[in-house]
Amino acid sequence: MNLNDIVIPINDEMKGFKLKLKSSISTQNSLIDTVVNYILKRKGKQIRPIFVFLTAGLNGKITDSTYRAAILIEILHTATLIHDDVVDDSNYRRGYFSINALWKSKYSVLIGDYLLSRGLELSVENNDFKFLGILSNAVKQMSEGEITQLKKSKSLDISEETYFKIIQEKTASLFSSCCMMGAISSNATEEKIKLMQDFGLLVGKAFQIRDDLFGYLSFDTGKPSLNDFKQTKLTLPLIHTLSKVDSSTKKKIIKNLKKYRSIDEIIQIVKENDGIKYSEKIMIDMIDKAYSILKKFPDSDYKKSLFDLLNYTINRNI
């Protein structure tokens, strides 16, 4: 399913959102404005704002509050990506030079801080205190998830339970916020807001598992995504494999991972021990549960697009 087809019910809203986003974060400071324009020209698919608008439509009407929710989510997400690139010392983002590569870490941290403060300012200006509470909790969880992952990447000792806790905090918490804020913006009931919270958590975890699979699946095309290996991040396919192999193989994998060598051999061992199939099954189970939540809502174009977006989430190539 093409993303352009999925967003047809909210085409006008997404166009309006992009204009409002630019005006919301533009500034008279020439350096900040230069960086902001660089970011806006290289924006990704903006999946999270899409979830905000579709869940708002699913629960009622898209309102001015929906636009503000989408803008806040995108500002927060962009700020965290900038900070992530500093933490990971990454020079690329979506195939382009990262802010960290072009303006170095000091400016990157400050630009991320500017975006976060601008998001807070927008919330206060519009009395969006419910949004502020949800986003504050998401930022806290995302920070805790990143810190736990950094710590575990040094010890290379992580259980499935810890992995799922990390991806819930690091990724799913923001997806959950998108869906909750979309519902809140359309004056949904508390019951429906809770359904959207659970829906977002499931989608977010499935989204992260799909991301974690890229390092293994892309290797077949000759264009591997090896960032997780370089940063010694243990993801679900490898965690499952390490729980199945004998102690000598486990030691060999850990040793090679620490030294960043024989990655193709590690990937082969993961495949032979069904690490990829196991991860895909869990991902699909999560999406099936998300489907079940959607089925509780009346039929609409928004509901259909959300069904298609779930399918896109687990089948996307990047």
Protein backbone atom coordinates (compact mmCIF):
# COMPACT_ATOMS: atom_id res chain seq x y z
CA MET A 1 0.00 0.00 0.00
CA ASN A 2 1.38 3.38 -1.08
CA LEU A 3 1.49 6.03 1.67
CA ASN A 4 0.10 8.62 -0.75
CA ASP A 5 -3.04 6.51 -1.13
CA ILE A 6 -3.36 6.03 2.63
CA VAL A 7 -3.41 9.77 3.36
CA ILE A 8 -6.06 10.64 0.75
CA PRO A 9 -8.76 11.31 3.42
CA ILE A 10 -6.45 13.85 5.10
CA ASN A 11 -4.62 15.33 2.09
CA ASP A 12 -5.86 18.86 2.75
CA GLU A 13 -5.12 18.58 6.46
CA MET A 14 -1.54 17.42 5.82
CA LYS A 15 -0.95 20.34 3.44
CA GLY A 16 -2.25 22.74 6.08
CA PHE A 17 -0.20 21.02 8.76
CA LYS A 18 3.07 21.50 6.83
CA LEU A 19 2.42 25.23 6.44
CA LYS A 20 1.48 25.63 10.10
CA LEU A 21 4.51 23.62 11.21
CA LYS A 22 6.86 25.92 9.31
CA SER A 23 5.31 29.08 10.71
CA SER A 24 5.35 27.59 14.23
CA ILE A 25 9.10 26.95 14.36
CA SER A 26 10.43 29.78 12.16
CA THR A 27 12.37 32.47 13.99
CA GLN A 28 14.17 35.77 13.44
CA ASN A 29 17.44 34.14 14.50
CA SER A 30 19.18 33.57 11.17
CA LEU A 31 21.22 30.53 12.23
CA ILE A 32 18.27 28.74 13.84
CA ASP A 33 16.09 29.57 10.84
CA THR A 34 18.73 28.16 8.46
CA VAL A 35 18.81 24.89 10.39
CA VAL A 36 15.00 24.77 10.65
CA ASN A 37 14.66 25.22 6.87
CA TYR A 38 17.21 22.45 6.33
CA ILE A 39 15.14 20.17 8.57
CA LEU A 40 11.84 21.02 6.87
CA LYS A 41 13.22 20.38 3.38
CA ARG A 42 14.35 16.91 4.41
CA LYS A 43 11.39 15.78 6.47
CA GLY A 44 10.54 12.10 6.41
CA LYS A 45 7.14 10.56 5.81
CA GLN A 46 5.65 12.30 8.86
CA ILE A 47 3.97 9.09 9.98
CA ARG A 48 3.21 10.41 13.46
CA PRO A 49 1.18 13.46 12.34
CA ILE A 50 -0.67 11.14 9.96
CA PHE A 51 -1.69 9.02 12.95
CA VAL A 52 -2.84 12.16 14.78
CA PHE A 53 -5.15 13.25 11.95
CA LEU A 54 -6.51 9.78 11.18
CA THR A 55 -7.26 8.97 14.83
CA ALA A 56 -8.95 12.36 15.22
CA GLY A 57 -11.14 11.60 12.20
CA LEU A 58 -11.82 8.09 13.52
CA ASN A 59 -13.11 9.52 16.80
CA GLY A 60 -15.03 12.53 15.50
CA LYS A 61 -14.05 15.72 13.70
CA ILE A 62 -10.62 17.11 12.88
CA THR A 63 -10.31 20.46 14.65
CA ASP A 64 -7.81 23.29 15.14
CA SER A 65 -6.72 21.38 18.22
CA THR A 66 -5.82 18.42 15.96
CA TYR A 67 -3.41 20.60 13.98
CA ARG A 68 -1.74 21.77 17.19
CA ALA A 69 -1.43 18.16 18.39
CA ALA A 70 0.20 17.12 15.11
CA ILE A 71 2.60 20.08 15.23
CA LEU A 72 3.59 19.35 18.84
CA ILE A 73 4.22 15.70 18.06
CA GLU A 74 6.35 16.53 15.02
CA ILE A 75 8.36 19.17 16.88
CA LEU A 76 9.05 16.75 19.72
CA HIS A 77 9.93 13.91 17.35
CA THR A 78 12.32 16.12 15.35
CA ALA A 79 14.03 17.38 18.51
CA THR A 80 14.59 13.85 19.78
CA LEU A 81 16.04 12.74 16.43
CA ILE A 82 18.53 15.64 16.53
CA HIS A 83 19.55 14.71 20.07
CA ASP A 84 19.75 11.00 19.10
CA ASP A 85 22.21 11.82 16.32
CA VAL A 86 24.41 13.58 18.87
CA VAL A 87 24.25 10.63 21.28
CA ASP A 88 24.97 8.14 18.48
CA ASP A 89 27.55 10.44 16.82
CA SER A 90 25.65 9.89 13.58
CA ASN A 91 26.49 11.92 10.46
CA TYR A 92 23.49 10.85 8.39
CA ARG A 93 19.73 10.96 8.73
CA ARG A 94 17.45 9.59 5.97
CA GLY A 95 20.32 9.62 3.50
CA TYR A 96 21.23 13.27 4.15
CA PHE A 97 23.84 14.86 6.40
CA SER A 98 22.52 15.12 9.95
CA ILE A 99 22.37 18.38 11.90
CA ASN A 100 25.16 16.90 14.01
CA ALA A 101 27.38 16.46 10.93
CA LEU A 102 26.82 19.97 9.54
CA TRP A 103 26.58 22.09 12.70
CA LYS A 104 28.33 19.83 15.24
CA SER A 105 27.10 18.65 18.61
CA LYS A 106 26.88 21.95 20.53
CA TYR A 107 24.59 23.59 17.99
CA SER A 108 22.66 20.33 17.52
CA VAL A 109 21.83 20.05 21.21
CA LEU A 110 20.78 23.70 21.35
CA ILE A 111 18.62 23.42 18.20
CA GLY A 112 16.93 20.37 19.73
CA ASP A 113 16.39 22.37 22.92
CA TYR A 114 14.94 25.27 20.90
CA LEU A 115 12.41 22.97 19.24
CA LEU A 116 11.41 21.41 22.57
CA SER A 117 10.95 24.83 24.17
CA ARG A 118 8.94 26.03 21.15
CA GLY A 119 6.65 23.05 21.52
CA LEU A 120 6.12 23.82 25.21
CA GLU A 121 5.45 27.46 24.37
CA LEU A 122 2.80 26.52 21.80
CA SER A 123 1.06 24.30 24.35
CA VAL A 124 0.94 27.05 26.96
CA GLU A 125 -0.19 29.70 24.46
CA ASN A 126 -3.19 27.57 23.48
CA ASN A 127 -3.98 26.12 26.94
CA ASP A 128 -3.32 22.63 25.61
CA PHE A 129 -2.47 21.35 29.07
CA LYS A 130 -3.75 17.83 28.36
CA PHE A 131 -1.35 17.61 25.43
CA LEU A 132 1.44 18.97 27.60
CA GLY A 133 0.88 16.29 30.24
CA ILE A 134 0.86 13.49 27.66
CA LEU A 135 3.99 14.76 25.90
CA SER A 136 5.88 15.36 29.16
CA ASN A 137 5.28 11.75 30.10
CA ALA A 138 6.37 10.62 26.62
CA VAL A 139 9.63 12.60 26.83
CA LYS A 140 10.35 11.08 30.24
CA GLN A 141 9.75 7.56 28.94
CA MET A 142 11.78 8.14 25.77
CA SER A 143 14.73 9.40 27.82
CA GLU A 144 14.53 6.43 30.18
CA GLY A 145 14.37 4.02 27.23
CA GLU A 146 17.41 5.57 25.56
CA ILE A 147 19.42 5.49 28.79
CA THR A 148 18.54 1.83 29.42
CA GLN A 149 19.51 0.93 25.85
CA LEU A 150 22.84 2.77 26.15
CA LYS A 151 23.61 0.95 29.37
CA LYS A 152 22.69 -2.44 27.91
CA SER A 153 24.73 -1.82 24.75
CA LYS A 154 27.84 -1.79 26.94
CA SER A 155 27.06 -4.95 28.90
CA LEU A 156 25.37 -6.77 25.97
CA ASP A 157 23.08 -8.44 28.48
CA ILE A 158 19.40 -7.94 27.67
CA SER A 159 16.33 -10.10 28.08
CA GLU A 160 13.23 -10.02 25.87
CA GLU A 161 11.34 -8.42 28.75
CA THR A 162 13.87 -5.57 28.93
CA TYR A 163 13.85 -5.21 25.14
CA PHE A 164 10.07 -4.76 25.06
CA LYS A 165 10.29 -2.27 27.93
CA ILE A 166 12.90 -0.27 26.00
CA ILE A 167 10.93 -0.12 22.74
CA GLN A 168 7.72 0.76 24.59
CA GLU A 169 9.46 3.69 26.25
CA LYS A 170 11.70 4.72 23.36
CA THR A 171 9.28 4.43 20.42
CA ALA A 172 5.79 3.26 21.35
CA SER A 173 5.21 5.97 23.97
CA LEU A 174 5.25 8.64 21.23
CA PHE A 175 2.97 6.64 18.92
CA SER A 176 0.59 6.21 21.84
CA SER A 177 0.72 9.98 22.44
CA CYS A 178 -0.14 10.61 18.76
CA CYS A 179 -3.26 8.47 18.94
CA MET A 180 -4.38 9.76 22.35
CA MET A 181 -3.93 13.39 21.30
CA GLY A 182 -5.79 12.78 18.04
CA ALA A 183 -8.72 11.36 20.00
CA ILE A 184 -8.62 14.16 22.59
CA SER A 185 -8.59 16.81 19.86
CA SER A 186 -11.91 15.45 18.53
CA ASN A 187 -13.49 15.38 22.02
CA ALA A 188 -13.54 11.59 22.27
CA THR A 189 -14.75 9.82 25.41
CA GLU A 190 -12.29 8.59 28.03
CA GLU A 191 -13.03 5.02 26.93
CA LYS A 192 -12.05 5.78 23.34
CA ILE A 193 -8.96 7.71 24.42
CA LYS A 194 -7.84 4.63 26.37
CA LEU A 195 -8.45 2.44 23.30
CA MET A 196 -6.29 4.82 21.25
CA GLN A 197 -3.57 4.71 23.91
CA ASP A 198 -3.44 0.90 23.70
CA PHE A 199 -3.67 1.03 19.90
CA GLY A 200 -0.70 3.40 19.70
CA LEU A 201 1.45 1.28 22.00
CA LEU A 202 0.87 -1.79 19.84
CA VAL A 203 1.61 0.07 16.61
CA GLY A 204 4.70 1.72 18.06
CA LYS A 205 6.20 -1.55 19.23
CA ALA A 206 5.48 -3.22 15.89
CA PHE A 207 7.01 -0.20 14.11
CA GLN A 208 10.23 -0.53 16.15
CA ILE A 209 10.50 -4.28 15.57
CA ARG A 210 10.23 -3.60 11.83
CA ASP A 211 13.02 -1.03 12.16
CA ASP A 212 15.13 -3.56 14.04
CA LEU A 213 14.65 -6.11 11.26
CA PHE A 214 16.10 -3.83 8.58
CA GLY A 215 19.68 -4.70 9.56
CA TYR A 216 18.94 -8.35 8.79
CA LEU A 217 16.55 -8.12 5.85
CA SER A 218 18.43 -5.42 3.93
CA PHE A 219 21.56 -7.56 3.98
CA ASP A 220 19.97 -9.77 1.30
CA THR A 221 19.93 -6.82 -1.10
CA GLY A 222 23.61 -6.04 -0.60
CA LYS A 223 22.73 -2.79 1.16
CA PRO A 224 22.75 -3.66 4.86
CA SER A 225 21.65 -1.21 7.54
CA LEU A 226 24.31 -1.85 10.15
CA ASN A 227 23.86 0.98 12.65
CA ASP A 228 22.53 -1.35 15.36
CA PHE A 229 25.57 -3.58 14.97
CA LYS A 230 27.97 -0.64 15.01
CA GLN A 231 26.37 0.65 18.21
CA THR A 232 26.17 -2.88 19.70
CA LYS A 233 22.41 -2.60 20.19
CA LEU A 234 20.81 -5.95 20.91
CA THR A 235 17.48 -6.19 19.09
CA LEU A 236 14.82 -8.90 19.12
CA PRO A 237 16.17 -11.20 16.33
CA LEU A 238 19.56 -11.42 18.05
CA ILE A 239 18.15 -11.63 21.59
CA HIS A 240 16.03 -14.61 20.54
CA THR A 241 19.03 -16.23 18.82
CA LEU A 242 21.29 -15.79 21.85
CA SER A 243 18.67 -17.57 23.97
CA LYS A 244 18.78 -20.60 21.62
CA VAL A 245 22.44 -21.14 20.70
CA ASP A 246 24.99 -22.99 22.82
CA SER A 247 27.35 -21.10 25.14
CA SER A 248 30.36 -21.18 22.80
CA THR A 249 28.35 -19.76 19.88
CA LYS A 250 26.90 -17.11 22.18
CA LYS A 251 30.38 -16.06 23.33
CA LYS A 252 31.55 -15.94 19.71
CA ILE A 253 28.62 -13.72 18.68
CA ILE A 254 29.15 -11.33 21.61
CA LYS A 255 32.90 -11.12 20.93
CA ASN A 256 32.40 -10.37 17.23
CA LEU A 257 29.68 -7.86 17.99
CA LYS A 258 31.88 -5.97 20.45
CA LYS A 259 34.67 -5.79 17.86
CA TYR A 260 32.22 -5.14 15.01
CA ARG A 261 33.42 -7.98 12.83
CA SER A 262 31.94 -11.00 11.00
CA ILE A 263 28.55 -9.28 10.92
CA ASP A 264 27.45 -11.35 7.93
CA GLU A 265 28.18 -14.49 9.95
CA ILE A 266 26.12 -13.18 12.89
CA ILE A 267 23.22 -12.47 10.54
CA GLN A 268 23.45 -15.96 9.10
CA ILE A 269 23.32 -17.50 12.60
CA VAL A 270 20.27 -15.37 13.40
CA LYS A 271 18.52 -16.62 10.26
CA GLU A 272 19.40 -20.24 10.96
CA ASN A 273 17.91 -19.95 14.44
CA ASP A 274 14.67 -18.31 13.22
CA GLY A 275 15.43 -14.98 14.89
CA ILE A 276 13.83 -13.11 12.00
CA LYS A 277 10.75 -15.36 11.75
CA TYR A 278 10.25 -15.16 15.51
CA SER A 279 10.42 -11.34 15.46
CA GLU A 280 8.07 -11.09 12.49
CA LYS A 281 5.52 -13.30 14.25
CA ILE A 282 5.52 -11.10 17.35
CA MET A 283 5.25 -7.98 15.18
CA ILE A 284 2.28 -9.41 13.26
CA ASP A 285 0.59 -10.50 16.50
CA MET A 286 0.82 -6.91 17.76
CA ILE A 287 -0.68 -5.55 14.55
CA ASP A 288 -3.50 -8.12 14.76
CA LYS A 289 -4.33 -6.82 18.25
CA ALA A 290 -4.29 -3.26 16.88
CA TYR A 291 -6.69 -4.39 14.11
CA SER A 292 -9.03 -5.74 16.79
CA ILE A 293 -9.13 -2.35 18.50
CA LEU A 294 -9.94 -0.59 15.21
CA LYS A 295 -12.82 -2.97 14.56
CA LYS A 296 -14.62 -1.49 17.59
CA PHE A 297 -15.06 1.82 15.70
CA PRO A 298 -17.67 2.63 13.01
CA ASP A 299 -16.62 2.26 9.38
CA SER A 300 -15.20 5.39 7.75
CA ASP A 301 -12.50 6.48 5.32
CA TYR A 302 -10.30 7.25 8.35
CA LYS A 303 -10.73 3.72 9.70
CA LYS A 304 -9.88 2.21 6.31
CA SER A 305 -6.75 4.35 6.05
CA LEU A 306 -5.69 3.29 9.55
CA PHE A 307 -6.11 -0.37 8.56
CA ASP A 308 -3.92 0.29 5.52
CA LEU A 309 -1.43 2.22 7.64
CA LEU A 310 -1.04 -0.76 9.96
CA ASN A 311 -0.27 -2.93 6.94
CA TYR A 312 2.19 -0.32 5.68
CA THR A 313 3.91 -0.20 9.10
CA ILE A 314 4.99 -3.84 9.00
CA ASN A 315 5.70 -4.04 5.25
CA ARG A 316 7.59 -0.78 4.65
CA ASN A 317 11.13 -0.97 3.28
CA ILE A 318 12.51 2.01 5.21
